[in-house]
């Protein structure tokens, strides 16, 4: 297979009542773990990279590695720009081969947000790339993205309908109480708000900040219309913890082929768990 956009992937999930997991990857090892695990469970998968990740790994390398993975495994694979704010950067990576982008203009006033997103939609759709945008703002931190709790805003259902219609986006990221990074305190998601949004918006809905949220709450969100679930922090912590443990037990270790393996195995278990929570296993 080849790299695809998320259009049919998410539309199918919406029709059949499950969600496609979007895993934030950072290098060859994390990309391999995600794709291999998804292939074993016959799940479609989205490989997501924040601006800092793409800068670190290199967009050309990400595209090349994802294309190799797509040829080796018979599952739908998309590569996704996560939380990009620079329109020109998005255009550059669409030109490179990214078929899915998230333009984050959530910090801008409503009308300005719409105009920025429309510019990205018009460009991306020329290349059969899909566009996700966010209305409302999640608190917390993911890589270089930091939103103070006081700046957190929930998605307004009435605005969501107008926003989707005027921008022409393919999917909508909603703010219903999740947070980037690790959730502090007891998770409380506004499911009534999610229902209202689902009633007035026909595009697939996306849940950001799903790390550290209890599985039963994620499953309920999916049952109410969430079609894509983003996972980042829940992958990084077990990977790094396992590598740290390896070095404690093997202080003289210096071979990345050996010390990376425990991290990959720890991450693999989490990827499998998230796929099962999303219900995307067997859907490829």
C-alpha atoms as a PDB file:
ATOM      1  CA  UNK A   1       0.000   0.000   0.000  1.00  0.00           C
ATOM      2  CA  UNK A   2       0.990   3.655  -0.102  1.00  0.00           C
ATOM      3  CA  UNK A   3       0.575   6.547   2.319  1.00  0.00           C
ATOM      4  CA  UNK A   4      -3.017   7.756   2.277  1.00  0.00           C
ATOM      5  CA  UNK A   5      -4.991  10.678   3.671  1.00  0.00           C
ATOM      6  CA  UNK A   6      -7.236  10.202   6.682  1.00  0.00           C
ATOM      7  CA  UNK A   7     -10.424  10.914   4.714  1.00  0.00           C
ATOM      8  CA  UNK A   8     -11.779   7.414   4.123  1.00  0.00           C
ATOM      9  CA  UNK A   9     -10.016   6.112   7.223  1.00  0.00           C
ATOM     10  CA  UNK A  10     -11.977   8.423   9.529  1.00  0.00           C
ATOM     11  CA  UNK A  11     -15.210   8.340   7.547  1.00  0.00           C
ATOM     12  CA  UNK A  12     -15.217   4.540   7.864  1.00  0.00           C
ATOM     13  CA  UNK A  13     -14.598   4.836  11.609  1.00  0.00           C
ATOM     14  CA  UNK A  14     -17.494   7.270  11.867  1.00  0.00           C
ATOM     15  CA  UNK A  15     -19.831   4.938  10.003  1.00  0.00           C
ATOM     16  CA  UNK A  16     -18.854   1.874  12.021  1.00  0.00           C
ATOM     17  CA  UNK A  17     -18.529   3.397  15.491  1.00  0.00           C
ATOM     18  CA  UNK A  18     -14.853   3.110  16.403  1.00  0.00           C
ATOM     19  CA  UNK A  19     -11.853   5.460  16.417  1.00  0.00           C
ATOM     20  CA  UNK A  20      -8.516   5.444  14.611  1.00  0.00           C
ATOM     21  CA  UNK A  21      -5.565   6.005  16.972  1.00  0.00           C
ATOM     22  CA  UNK A  22      -3.062   8.731  16.090  1.00  0.00           C
ATOM     23  CA  UNK A  23       0.267   7.952  17.752  1.00  0.00           C
ATOM     24  CA  UNK A  24       2.952  10.614  18.048  1.00  0.00           C
ATOM     25  CA  UNK A  25       6.223   9.169  16.765  1.00  0.00           C
ATOM     26  CA  UNK A  26       9.728  10.662  17.004  1.00  0.00           C
ATOM     27  CA  UNK A  27      12.208   8.435  15.171  1.00  0.00           C
ATOM     28  CA  UNK A  28      12.652   5.130  13.352  1.00  0.00           C
ATOM     29  CA  UNK A  29      12.202   3.027  16.502  1.00  0.00           C
ATOM     30  CA  UNK A  30       8.900   4.587  17.548  1.00  0.00           C
ATOM     31  CA  UNK A  31       7.561   4.519  13.992  1.00  0.00           C
ATOM     32  CA  UNK A  32       8.427   0.824  13.669  1.00  0.00           C
ATOM     33  CA  UNK A  33       6.731  -0.044  16.963  1.00  0.00           C
ATOM     34  CA  UNK A  34       3.506   1.731  16.033  1.00  0.00           C
ATOM     35  CA  UNK A  35       3.240   0.306  12.522  1.00  0.00           C
ATOM     36  CA  UNK A  36       4.266  -3.247  13.440  1.00  0.00           C
ATOM     37  CA  UNK A  37       1.792  -3.383  16.327  1.00  0.00           C
ATOM     38  CA  UNK A  38      -1.000  -1.928  14.196  1.00  0.00           C
ATOM     39  CA  UNK A  39      -0.244  -4.490  11.484  1.00  0.00           C
ATOM     40  CA  UNK A  40      -0.367  -7.352  13.994  1.00  0.00           C
ATOM     41  CA  UNK A  41      -3.778  -6.170  15.181  1.00  0.00           C
ATOM     42  CA  UNK A  42      -4.954  -5.294  11.661  1.00  0.00           C
ATOM     43  CA  UNK A  43      -5.670  -1.704  12.609  1.00  0.00           C
ATOM     44  CA  UNK A  44      -5.526   1.435  10.478  1.00  0.00           C
ATOM     45  CA  UNK A  45      -3.082   3.893  12.032  1.00  0.00           C
ATOM     46  CA  UNK A  46      -2.072   7.541  11.929  1.00  0.00           C
ATOM     47  CA  UNK A  47       1.566   8.510  12.517  1.00  0.00           C
ATOM     48  CA  UNK A  48       1.584  12.006  13.986  1.00  0.00           C
ATOM     49  CA  UNK A  49       4.428  14.457  14.399  1.00  0.00           C
ATOM     50  CA  UNK A  50       4.454  17.841  16.114  1.00  0.00           C
ATOM     51  CA  UNK A  51       6.560  20.675  14.656  1.00  0.00           C
ATOM     52  CA  UNK A  52       9.403  19.910  17.070  1.00  0.00           C
ATOM     53  CA  UNK A  53       9.332  16.214  16.126  1.00  0.00           C
ATOM     54  CA  UNK A  54       9.401  16.909  12.400  1.00  0.00           C
ATOM     55  CA  UNK A  55      12.253  19.355  12.923  1.00  0.00           C
ATOM     56  CA  UNK A  56      14.133  16.756  14.971  1.00  0.00           C
ATOM     57  CA  UNK A  57      13.617  13.753  12.679  1.00  0.00           C
ATOM     58  CA  UNK A  58      13.347  15.573   9.331  1.00  0.00           C
ATOM     59  CA  UNK A  59      10.198  15.626   7.225  1.00  0.00           C
ATOM     60  CA  UNK A  60      11.895  13.844   4.321  1.00  0.00           C
ATOM     61  CA  UNK A  61      12.997  11.005   6.595  1.00  0.00           C
ATOM     62  CA  UNK A  62       9.508  10.654   8.094  1.00  0.00           C
ATOM     63  CA  UNK A  63       7.934  10.445   4.631  1.00  0.00           C
ATOM     64  CA  UNK A  64      10.546   7.931   3.443  1.00  0.00           C
ATOM     65  CA  UNK A  65      10.194   5.697   6.515  1.00  0.00           C
ATOM     66  CA  UNK A  66       6.405   5.821   6.367  1.00  0.00           C
ATOM     67  CA  UNK A  67       6.436   4.865   2.695  1.00  0.00           C
ATOM     68  CA  UNK A  68       8.636   1.854   3.445  1.00  0.00           C
ATOM     69  CA  UNK A  69       6.269   0.843   6.256  1.00  0.00           C
ATOM     70  CA  UNK A  70       3.251   1.202   3.975  1.00  0.00           C
ATOM     71  CA  UNK A  71       4.839  -1.085   1.379  1.00  0.00           C
ATOM     72  CA  UNK A  72       5.701  -3.711   3.982  1.00  0.00           C
ATOM     73  CA  UNK A  73       2.348  -3.812   5.770  1.00  0.00           C
ATOM     74  CA  UNK A  74      -1.135  -4.227   4.341  1.00  0.00           C
ATOM     75  CA  UNK A  75      -2.884  -1.686   6.558  1.00  0.00           C
ATOM     76  CA  UNK A  76      -3.998   1.923   5.952  1.00  0.00           C
ATOM     77  CA  UNK A  77      -1.254   4.306   7.143  1.00  0.00           C
ATOM     78  CA  UNK A  78      -1.410   8.102   7.222  1.00  0.00           C
ATOM     79  CA  UNK A  79       1.262  10.581   8.294  1.00  0.00           C
ATOM     80  CA  UNK A  80      -0.112  13.623  10.047  1.00  0.00           C
ATOM     81  CA  UNK A  81       1.202  17.082  10.926  1.00  0.00           C
ATOM     82  CA  UNK A  82       0.039  17.688  14.490  1.00  0.00           C
ATOM     83  CA  UNK A  83      -0.602  21.168  15.930  1.00  0.00           C
ATOM     84  CA  UNK A  84       1.029  23.167  13.154  1.00  0.00           C
ATOM     85  CA  UNK A  85       0.455  26.918  13.251  1.00  0.00           C
ATOM     86  CA  UNK A  86       2.589  28.085  10.322  1.00  0.00           C
ATOM     87  CA  UNK A  87       0.650  27.936   7.042  1.00  0.00           C
ATOM     88  CA  UNK A  88       3.772  28.042   4.852  1.00  0.00           C
ATOM     89  CA  UNK A  89       5.323  25.156   6.781  1.00  0.00           C
ATOM     90  CA  UNK A  90       2.173  23.126   6.240  1.00  0.00           C
ATOM     91  CA  UNK A  91       2.297  23.782   2.494  1.00  0.00           C
ATOM     92  CA  UNK A  92       5.937  22.692   2.431  1.00  0.00           C
ATOM     93  CA  UNK A  93       5.194  19.371   4.106  1.00  0.00           C
ATOM     94  CA  UNK A  94       2.125  18.717   1.979  1.00  0.00           C
ATOM     95  CA  UNK A  95       4.432  19.145  -1.013  1.00  0.00           C
ATOM     96  CA  UNK A  96       6.788  16.586   0.573  1.00  0.00           C
ATOM     97  CA  UNK A  97       4.039  13.970   0.842  1.00  0.00           C
ATOM     98  CA  UNK A  98       2.162  14.465   4.099  1.00  0.00           C
ATOM     99  CA  UNK A  99      -1.489  13.658   3.386  1.00  0.00           C
ATOM    100  CA  UNK A 100      -2.996  14.798   6.678  1.00  0.00           C
ATOM    101  CA  UNK A 101      -2.502  18.099   8.494  1.00  0.00           C
ATOM    102  CA  UNK A 102      -3.786  19.823  11.599  1.00  0.00           C
ATOM    103  CA  UNK A 103      -3.783  23.590  11.427  1.00  0.00           C
ATOM    104  CA  UNK A 104      -4.012  24.963  14.954  1.00  0.00           C
ATOM    105  CA  UNK A 105      -5.395  28.488  14.815  1.00  0.00           C
ATOM    106  CA  UNK A 106      -7.320  28.005  18.062  1.00  0.00           C
ATOM    107  CA  UNK A 107      -5.432  30.885  19.683  1.00  0.00           C
ATOM    108  CA  UNK A 108      -6.863  33.319  17.120  1.00  0.00           C
ATOM    109  CA  UNK A 109     -10.251  35.076  17.259  1.00  0.00           C
ATOM    110  CA  UNK A 110     -13.093  33.104  15.614  1.00  0.00           C
ATOM    111  CA  UNK A 111     -13.159  34.977  12.281  1.00  0.00           C
ATOM    112  CA  UNK A 112      -9.383  34.982  11.957  1.00  0.00           C
ATOM    113  CA  UNK A 113      -9.272  31.295  12.849  1.00  0.00           C
ATOM    114  CA  UNK A 114     -11.691  30.577  10.000  1.00  0.00           C
ATOM    115  CA  UNK A 115      -9.674  32.541   7.439  1.00  0.00           C
ATOM    116  CA  UNK A 116      -6.401  30.834   8.387  1.00  0.00           C
ATOM    117  CA  UNK A 117      -7.972  27.384   8.220  1.00  0.00           C
ATOM    118  CA  UNK A 118      -9.658  28.086   4.874  1.00  0.00           C
ATOM    119  CA  UNK A 119      -6.258  28.940   3.382  1.00  0.00           C
ATOM    120  CA  UNK A 120      -4.878  25.572   4.473  1.00  0.00           C
ATOM    121  CA  UNK A 121      -7.954  23.663   3.283  1.00  0.00           C
ATOM    122  CA  UNK A 122      -7.789  25.219  -0.174  1.00  0.00           C
ATOM    123  CA  UNK A 123      -4.135  24.238  -0.556  1.00  0.00           C
ATOM    124  CA  UNK A 124      -4.289  20.781   1.021  1.00  0.00           C
ATOM    125  CA  UNK A 125      -7.327  19.647  -0.936  1.00  0.00           C
ATOM    126  CA  UNK A 126      -5.467  20.291  -4.204  1.00  0.00           C
ATOM    127  CA  UNK A 127      -3.154  17.443  -3.180  1.00  0.00           C
ATOM    128  CA  UNK A 128      -5.829  15.150  -1.717  1.00  0.00           C
ATOM    129  CA  UNK A 129      -4.597  15.926   1.797  1.00  0.00           C
ATOM    130  CA  UNK A 130      -7.095  16.168   4.650  1.00  0.00           C
ATOM    131  CA  UNK A 131      -7.298  19.001   7.154  1.00  0.00           C
ATOM    132  CA  UNK A 132      -8.100  18.885  10.859  1.00  0.00           C
ATOM    133  CA  UNK A 133      -8.647  22.050  12.867  1.00  0.00           C
ATOM    134  CA  UNK A 134      -9.422  22.862  16.475  1.00  0.00           C
ATOM    135  CA  UNK A 135     -12.172  25.021  17.938  1.00  0.00           C
ATOM    136  CA  UNK A 136     -11.639  25.695  21.635  1.00  0.00           C
ATOM    137  CA  UNK A 137      -8.286  25.205  23.385  1.00  0.00           C
ATOM    138  CA  UNK A 138      -6.899  22.326  25.425  1.00  0.00           C
ATOM    139  CA  UNK A 139      -4.768  23.139  28.428  1.00  0.00           C
ATOM    140  CA  UNK A 140      -1.476  21.447  29.294  1.00  0.00           C
ATOM    141  CA  UNK A 141       1.748  20.844  27.387  1.00  0.00           C
ATOM    142  CA  UNK A 142       2.664  18.700  24.389  1.00  0.00           C
ATOM    143  CA  UNK A 143       6.252  19.158  23.207  1.00  0.00           C
ATOM    144  CA  UNK A 144       6.621  22.915  22.619  1.00  0.00           C
ATOM    145  CA  UNK A 145       2.865  23.606  22.796  1.00  0.00           C
ATOM    146  CA  UNK A 146       1.940  25.073  26.187  1.00  0.00           C
ATOM    147  CA  UNK A 147      -1.545  26.343  27.053  1.00  0.00           C
ATOM    148  CA  UNK A 148      -2.121  27.709  30.536  1.00  0.00           C
ATOM    149  CA  UNK A 149      -5.243  26.465  32.315  1.00  0.00           C
ATOM    150  CA  UNK A 150      -6.703  29.981  32.353  1.00  0.00           C
ATOM    151  CA  UNK A 151      -6.564  30.031  28.538  1.00  0.00           C
ATOM    152  CA  UNK A 152      -8.424  26.723  28.149  1.00  0.00           C
ATOM    153  CA  UNK A 153     -11.720  27.052  26.269  1.00  0.00           C
ATOM    154  CA  UNK A 154     -14.366  24.409  25.561  1.00  0.00           C
ATOM    155  CA  UNK A 155     -15.783  24.012  22.072  1.00  0.00           C
ATOM    156  CA  UNK A 156     -19.035  25.891  21.511  1.00  0.00           C
ATOM    157  CA  UNK A 157     -21.464  23.584  19.621  1.00  0.00           C
ATOM    158  CA  UNK A 158     -23.191  26.409  17.750  1.00  0.00           C
ATOM    159  CA  UNK A 159     -19.872  27.872  16.664  1.00  0.00           C
ATOM    160  CA  UNK A 160     -18.671  24.384  15.707  1.00  0.00           C
ATOM    161  CA  UNK A 161     -21.427  24.008  13.112  1.00  0.00           C
ATOM    162  CA  UNK A 162     -20.617  27.356  11.506  1.00  0.00           C
ATOM    163  CA  UNK A 163     -16.889  26.681  11.735  1.00  0.00           C
ATOM    164  CA  UNK A 164     -17.076  23.368   9.891  1.00  0.00           C
ATOM    165  CA  UNK A 165     -19.374  24.733   7.198  1.00  0.00           C
ATOM    166  CA  UNK A 166     -17.301  27.847   6.515  1.00  0.00           C
ATOM    167  CA  UNK A 167     -13.839  26.267   6.617  1.00  0.00           C
ATOM    168  CA  UNK A 168     -14.547  23.022   4.741  1.00  0.00           C
ATOM    169  CA  UNK A 169     -12.358  21.017   7.132  1.00  0.00           C
ATOM    170  CA  UNK A 170     -12.350  17.217   7.053  1.00  0.00           C
ATOM    171  CA  UNK A 171     -12.283  16.671  10.829  1.00  0.00           C
ATOM    172  CA  UNK A 172     -12.780  18.769  13.953  1.00  0.00           C
ATOM    173  CA  UNK A 173     -10.729  18.569  17.150  1.00  0.00           C
ATOM    174  CA  UNK A 174     -12.997  19.340  20.093  1.00  0.00           C
ATOM    175  CA  UNK A 175     -12.179  20.634  23.561  1.00  0.00           C
ATOM    176  CA  UNK A 176     -14.409  18.805  26.063  1.00  0.00           C
ATOM    177  CA  UNK A 177     -12.147  18.594  29.112  1.00  0.00           C
ATOM    178  CA  UNK A 178      -9.050  16.612  28.107  1.00  0.00           C
ATOM    179  CA  UNK A 179      -5.563  18.123  28.404  1.00  0.00           C
ATOM    180  CA  UNK A 180      -2.217  17.743  26.676  1.00  0.00           C
ATOM    181  CA  UNK A 181       0.422  15.860  28.624  1.00  0.00           C
ATOM    182  CA  UNK A 182      -0.671  14.082  31.798  1.00  0.00           C
ATOM    183  CA  UNK A 183      -4.134  14.900  33.140  1.00  0.00           C
ATOM    184  CA  UNK A 184      -4.008  16.375  36.648  1.00  0.00           C
ATOM    185  CA  UNK A 185      -6.762  15.357  39.054  1.00  0.00           C
ATOM    186  CA  UNK A 186      -9.880  13.369  38.223  1.00  0.00           C
ATOM    187  CA  UNK A 187     -10.771  13.402  34.513  1.00  0.00           C
ATOM    188  CA  UNK A 188     -14.132  15.046  33.863  1.00  0.00           C
ATOM    189  CA  UNK A 189     -15.214  15.124  30.240  1.00  0.00           C
ATOM    190  CA  UNK A 190     -18.220  17.144  29.082  1.00  0.00           C
ATOM    191  CA  UNK A 191     -20.138  14.411  27.280  1.00  0.00           C
ATOM    192  CA  UNK A 192     -23.273  16.542  26.977  1.00  0.00           C
ATOM    193  CA  UNK A 193     -21.237  19.076  25.039  1.00  0.00           C
ATOM    194  CA  UNK A 194     -19.843  16.303  22.843  1.00  0.00           C
ATOM    195  CA  UNK A 195     -23.380  15.086  22.076  1.00  0.00           C
ATOM    196  CA  UNK A 196     -24.434  18.603  21.099  1.00  0.00           C
ATOM    197  CA  UNK A 197     -21.462  18.958  18.787  1.00  0.00           C
ATOM    198  CA  UNK A 198     -22.098  15.555  17.199  1.00  0.00           C
ATOM    199  CA  UNK A 199     -25.726  16.512  16.552  1.00  0.00           C
ATOM    200  CA  UNK A 200     -24.802  19.591  14.519  1.00  0.00           C
ATOM    201  CA  UNK A 201     -21.481  18.613  12.912  1.00  0.00           C
ATOM    202  CA  UNK A 202     -21.201  15.907  10.261  1.00  0.00           C
ATOM    203  CA  UNK A 203     -17.399  15.584   9.931  1.00  0.00           C
ATOM    204  CA  UNK A 204     -15.370  13.146  12.075  1.00  0.00           C
ATOM    205  CA  UNK A 205     -14.553  14.437  15.564  1.00  0.00           C
ATOM    206  CA  UNK A 206     -11.098  14.219  17.149  1.00  0.00           C
ATOM    207  CA  UNK A 207     -10.082  13.833  20.808  1.00  0.00           C
ATOM    208  CA  UNK A 208      -6.734  15.393  21.705  1.00  0.00           C
ATOM    209  CA  UNK A 209      -5.058  14.910  25.059  1.00  0.00           C
ATOM    210  CA  UNK A 210      -6.216  11.319  25.546  1.00  0.00           C
ATOM    211  CA  UNK A 211      -3.121  10.224  27.469  1.00  0.00           C
ATOM    212  CA  UNK A 212      -3.821   9.322  31.104  1.00  0.00           C
ATOM    213  CA  UNK A 213      -7.607   9.465  30.559  1.00  0.00           C
ATOM    214  CA  UNK A 214      -9.364   6.321  31.900  1.00  0.00           C
ATOM    215  CA  UNK A 215     -10.208   3.839  29.163  1.00  0.00           C
ATOM    216  CA  UNK A 216     -13.906   3.838  29.994  1.00  0.00           C
ATOM    217  CA  UNK A 217     -14.109   7.586  29.394  1.00  0.00           C
ATOM    218  CA  UNK A 218     -12.308   7.315  26.056  1.00  0.00           C
ATOM    219  CA  UNK A 219     -14.645   4.499  25.015  1.00  0.00           C
ATOM    220  CA  UNK A 220     -17.671   6.576  25.974  1.00  0.00           C
ATOM    221  CA  UNK A 221     -16.350   9.512  23.928  1.00  0.00           C
ATOM    222  CA  UNK A 222     -15.941   7.176  20.958  1.00  0.00           C
ATOM    223  CA  UNK A 223     -19.507   5.903  21.396  1.00  0.00           C
ATOM    224  CA  UNK A 224     -20.655   9.535  21.221  1.00  0.00           C
ATOM    225  CA  UNK A 225     -18.887  10.317  17.966  1.00  0.00           C
ATOM    226  CA  UNK A 226     -15.118  10.611  18.453  1.00  0.00           C
ATOM    227  CA  UNK A 227     -13.425   9.024  15.410  1.00  0.00           C
ATOM    228  CA  UNK A 228      -9.730   9.823  16.051  1.00  0.00           C
ATOM    229  CA  UNK A 229      -7.889   9.623  19.365  1.00  0.00           C
ATOM    230  CA  UNK A 230      -4.475  11.257  19.807  1.00  0.00           C
ATOM    231  CA  UNK A 231      -1.894   9.536  22.025  1.00  0.00           C
ATOM    232  CA  UNK A 232       1.529  10.994  22.820  1.00  0.00           C
ATOM    233  CA  UNK A 233       2.629  11.200  26.468  1.00  0.00           C
ATOM    234  CA  UNK A 234       1.365   7.693  27.278  1.00  0.00           C
ATOM    235  CA  UNK A 235       3.945   6.388  24.785  1.00  0.00           C
ATOM    236  CA  UNK A 236       6.955   8.455  25.799  1.00  0.00           C
ATOM    237  CA  UNK A 237       6.891   7.659  29.508  1.00  0.00           C
ATOM    238  CA  UNK A 238       7.042   3.825  29.314  1.00  0.00           C
ATOM    239  CA  UNK A 239       9.623   3.986  26.512  1.00  0.00           C
ATOM    240  CA  UNK A 240      11.963   6.250  28.472  1.00  0.00           C
ATOM    241  CA  UNK A 241      11.372   4.446  31.770  1.00  0.00           C
ATOM    242  CA  UNK A 242      12.336   1.106  30.215  1.00  0.00           C
ATOM    243  CA  UNK A 243      15.510   2.547  28.686  1.00  0.00           C
ATOM    244  CA  UNK A 244      16.475   4.157  32.018  1.00  0.00           C
ATOM    245  CA  UNK A 245      15.932   0.818  33.789  1.00  0.00           C
ATOM    246  CA  UNK A 246      18.135  -0.939  31.226  1.00  0.00           C
ATOM    247  CA  UNK A 247      21.001   1.474  31.866  1.00  0.00           C
ATOM    248  CA  UNK A 248      20.645   1.102  35.640  1.00  0.00           C
ATOM    249  CA  UNK A 249      20.917  -2.666  35.252  1.00  0.00           C
ATOM    250  CA  UNK A 250      23.588  -2.430  32.523  1.00  0.00           C
ATOM    251  CA  UNK A 251      25.671   0.682  33.324  1.00  0.00           C
ATOM    252  CA  UNK A 252      28.340  -0.195  30.758  1.00  0.00           C
ATOM    253  CA  UNK A 253      25.835  -0.523  27.889  1.00  0.00           C
ATOM    254  CA  UNK A 254      26.560   1.490  24.757  1.00  0.00           C
ATOM    255  CA  UNK A 255      24.823  -0.312  21.906  1.00  0.00           C
ATOM    256  CA  UNK A 256      21.570   1.408  20.820  1.00  0.00           C
ATOM    257  CA  UNK A 257      20.457  -1.833  19.173  1.00  0.00           C
ATOM    258  CA  UNK A 258      20.277  -3.303  22.657  1.00  0.00           C
ATOM    259  CA  UNK A 259      19.242  -0.442  24.936  1.00  0.00           C
ATOM    260  CA  UNK A 260      16.439   0.682  22.599  1.00  0.00           C
ATOM    261  CA  UNK A 261      14.749  -2.731  22.661  1.00  0.00           C
ATOM    262  CA  UNK A 262      13.271  -2.507  26.187  1.00  0.00           C
ATOM    263  CA  UNK A 263      11.816   0.902  25.316  1.00  0.00           C
ATOM    264  CA  UNK A 264      10.296  -0.455  22.133  1.00  0.00           C
ATOM    265  CA  UNK A 265       8.712  -3.399  23.959  1.00  0.00           C
ATOM    266  CA  UNK A 266       7.249  -1.157  26.660  1.00  0.00           C
ATOM    267  CA  UNK A 267       5.841   1.176  24.030  1.00  0.00           C
ATOM    268  CA  UNK A 268       4.502  -1.753  22.005  1.00  0.00           C
ATOM    269  CA  UNK A 269       2.303  -2.856  24.888  1.00  0.00           C
ATOM    270  CA  UNK A 270       0.767   0.612  25.210  1.00  0.00           C
ATOM    271  CA  UNK A 271       0.146   0.890  21.455  1.00  0.00           C
ATOM    272  CA  UNK A 272      -1.699  -2.441  21.524  1.00  0.00           C
ATOM    273  CA  UNK A 273      -3.780  -1.342  24.515  1.00  0.00           C
ATOM    274  CA  UNK A 274      -4.764   1.943  22.842  1.00  0.00           C
ATOM    275  CA  UNK A 275      -5.745   0.175  19.629  1.00  0.00           C
ATOM    276  CA  UNK A 276      -8.042  -2.117  21.604  1.00  0.00           C
ATOM    277  CA  UNK A 277      -9.573   0.836  23.479  1.00  0.00           C
ATOM    278  CA  UNK A 278     -10.245   2.574  20.148  1.00  0.00           C
ATOM    279  CA  UNK A 279     -11.821  -0.592  18.755  1.00  0.00           C
ATOM    280  CA  UNK A 280      -9.809  -0.251  15.529  1.00  0.00           C
ATOM    281  CA  UNK A 281      -8.373  -3.773  15.701  1.00  0.00           C
ATOM    282  CA  UNK A 282      -9.501  -5.871  12.753  1.00  0.00           C
ATOM    283  CA  UNK A 283     -10.715  -2.792  10.847  1.00  0.00           C
ATOM    284  CA  UNK A 284      -7.825  -2.508   8.371  1.00  0.00           C
END
